[in-house]
Every structure is written in structure tokens, then in C-alpha cells.
Amino acid sequence: MTSTLASSDPLTIDPSRVSVSFLPADGTAPLHVLANGEPEIVDEARASEVIGQPEITIEIDLGIGEESATYWTCDLSHVGLHVSLLFKR
């Protein structure tokens, strides 16, 4: 996957360096789902607990620098997604 920085320098994302974690707002331990491109073994009960919280942060580390960005979204529940799909028709 190639993207472009504001400076027009090409940026290549190496999937083997990407990590993804879910960070609960209650301060409990993060749920790591991808580490350096490899899926983590995830405890389904713990995943359900984390995803069921009213607020979580999804941290995506591309492994290419220290820059960061924030994207806010809402209601990724089954019902929320169903309602969103209804509006897309």
C-alpha cells in the first residue's frame, strides 16, 4: 500500500510492521489484536468485555514514525451499524 505525505514523499506501509489494539476507557489492559502484522490470540470473553464498553480507543500503529491522528466515530454496535446501513440505501 502506498500513500503520499503532504511533502509529496512516497510512503510505503509494510503490513509486517502494523499493530492494532483496543484500549478500554476504564484503564484496564489493552486488547492487542494484531502485533507486527501477525494476529494475536484473543480471549473472546475479554474481547466482548472491551468491545461492549461505551467508549474505546482503537490504536493503529503503522510502524513508520511518531506522527499521530485522531478520528472520532460513534455507535459501532450491531444496532448502530444496521441503522447506518438503512440510511445508505
Protein backbone atom coordinates (compact mmCIF):
# COMPACT_ATOMS: atom_id res chain seq x y z
CA MET A 1 0.00 0.00 0.00
CA THR A 2 1.43 3.37 -0.95
CA SER A 3 0.22 6.75 0.24
CA THR A 4 1.58 10.25 -0.10
CA LEU A 5 2.71 12.63 2.62
CA ALA A 6 1.98 16.34 2.46
CA SER A 7 5.58 16.84 1.33
CA SER A 8 4.90 14.57 -1.68
CA ASP A 9 7.44 11.99 -0.47
CA PRO A 10 6.13 8.47 -1.12
CA LEU A 11 5.18 6.49 1.96
CA THR A 12 5.13 2.72 1.94
CA ILE A 13 3.29 0.84 4.66
CA ASP A 14 4.80 -2.54 5.46
CA PRO A 15 2.00 -4.83 6.74
CA SER A 16 4.54 -6.79 8.81
CA ARG A 17 5.05 -3.68 10.98
CA VAL A 18 1.37 -2.85 11.62
CA SER A 19 -0.12 -3.37 15.09
CA VAL A 20 -3.72 -2.87 16.26
CA SER A 21 -5.01 -2.67 19.84
CA PHE A 22 -8.29 -1.80 21.53
CA LEU A 23 -7.76 0.47 24.54
CA PRO A 24 -10.61 0.43 27.08
CA ALA A 25 -11.57 3.82 28.54
CA ASP A 26 -11.75 2.26 32.03
CA GLY A 27 -7.95 1.90 32.10
CA THR A 28 -7.88 -1.90 32.08
CA ALA A 29 -5.31 -3.74 29.98
CA PRO A 30 -5.35 -3.16 26.21
CA LEU A 31 -6.64 -5.87 23.91
CA HIS A 32 -3.97 -6.49 21.27
CA VAL A 33 -5.42 -8.00 18.09
CA LEU A 34 -2.53 -7.57 15.64
CA ALA A 35 1.18 -7.31 16.50
CA ASN A 36 3.75 -6.63 13.80
CA GLY A 37 1.39 -7.91 11.12
CA GLU A 38 0.55 -11.12 12.97
CA PRO A 39 -2.86 -11.85 14.51
CA GLU A 40 -2.83 -12.23 18.28
CA ILE A 41 -4.66 -14.99 20.10
CA VAL A 42 -7.63 -13.13 21.57
CA ASP A 43 -9.71 -14.24 24.54
CA GLU A 44 -13.27 -13.90 23.21
CA ALA A 45 -14.72 -13.14 26.64
CA ARG A 46 -12.19 -10.33 27.14
CA ALA A 47 -12.81 -9.03 23.62
CA SER A 48 -16.55 -8.97 24.28
CA GLU A 49 -15.95 -7.10 27.54
CA VAL A 50 -13.75 -4.49 25.86
CA ILE A 51 -15.94 -4.01 22.78
CA GLY A 52 -19.03 -3.78 25.00
CA GLN A 53 -17.73 -0.71 26.80
CA PRO A 54 -19.41 2.59 25.95
CA GLU A 55 -16.10 4.08 24.83
CA ILE A 56 -12.89 2.54 23.48
CA THR A 57 -9.89 3.74 21.54
CA ILE A 58 -8.64 1.74 18.58
CA GLU A 59 -4.90 2.27 18.27
CA ILE A 60 -3.34 1.52 14.89
CA ASP A 61 0.45 1.67 14.76
CA LEU A 62 1.72 1.64 11.18
CA GLY A 63 5.31 1.21 12.38
CA ILE A 64 6.61 4.11 10.31
CA GLY A 65 7.01 7.09 12.62
CA GLU A 66 5.86 9.06 15.63
CA GLU A 67 3.10 11.11 14.00
CA SER A 68 -0.49 10.60 15.16
CA ALA A 69 -4.03 11.45 14.16
CA THR A 70 -7.43 11.20 15.83
CA TYR A 71 -10.65 10.15 14.15
CA TRP A 72 -13.90 10.28 16.12
CA THR A 73 -16.82 8.00 15.29
CA CYS A 74 -19.80 6.59 17.12
CA ASP A 75 -22.09 3.61 17.62
CA LEU A 76 -20.39 0.62 16.07
CA SER A 77 -22.86 -1.70 17.80
CA HIS A 78 -24.93 -4.18 15.81
CA VAL A 79 -27.96 -1.89 16.04
CA GLY A 80 -25.93 1.20 15.16
CA LEU A 81 -24.43 -0.46 12.10
CA HIS A 82 -27.85 -1.75 11.00
CA VAL A 83 -29.33 1.75 11.23
CA SER A 84 -26.37 3.17 9.28
CA LEU A 85 -26.88 0.61 6.53
CA LEU A 86 -30.56 1.53 6.27
CA PHE A 87 -29.63 5.16 5.56
CA LYS A 88 -27.18 4.12 2.80
CA ARG A 89 -29.94 2.62 0.66
